[in-house]
Amino acid sequence: MTTREPFALSSDLPWETLGGGVRRQLLGHVADLMMVRVDFDAHAIGAIHHHPHRQASYVAAGRFRVTVGERVCELSAGDCFITVADVPHGVVALEAGTLVDVFTPARTDFLPTPVP
């Protein structure tokens, strides 16, 4: 999606299988903002990691055990969490579920690599 195309129809957007019961769909982005849907099978893990981006994650469905820094909380549909740059964070899906992640700036590492 580009700034010329402000609408994202999920039926038109590809999914990327990440393995371990996790798949990701890039919903849209511009240079300083990105939205991504991530589906988790029950018991799938989003491993503890960190990055220089700020992130807000909305629990669209399911239940997750979320770790942000030293804090752990169980979140359900309708809840969210926010991480600042370089704070370790991760999730465990306590049941099948979906997160909607928003990053600023955009995660260029999530963008498809053009084939030369």
Foldseek 3Di string as FASTA:
>chain_A
DEPVDPAFDQVPWDWADPDQQKIKTWRDADQFKTKMKMKGAAFGKFDWDFAQKKKKKAWQAAWKFKDWANDTDIDGHGDMDIHHHGTIMMITGNHITMMMMMITRDDPVPDDDDDD
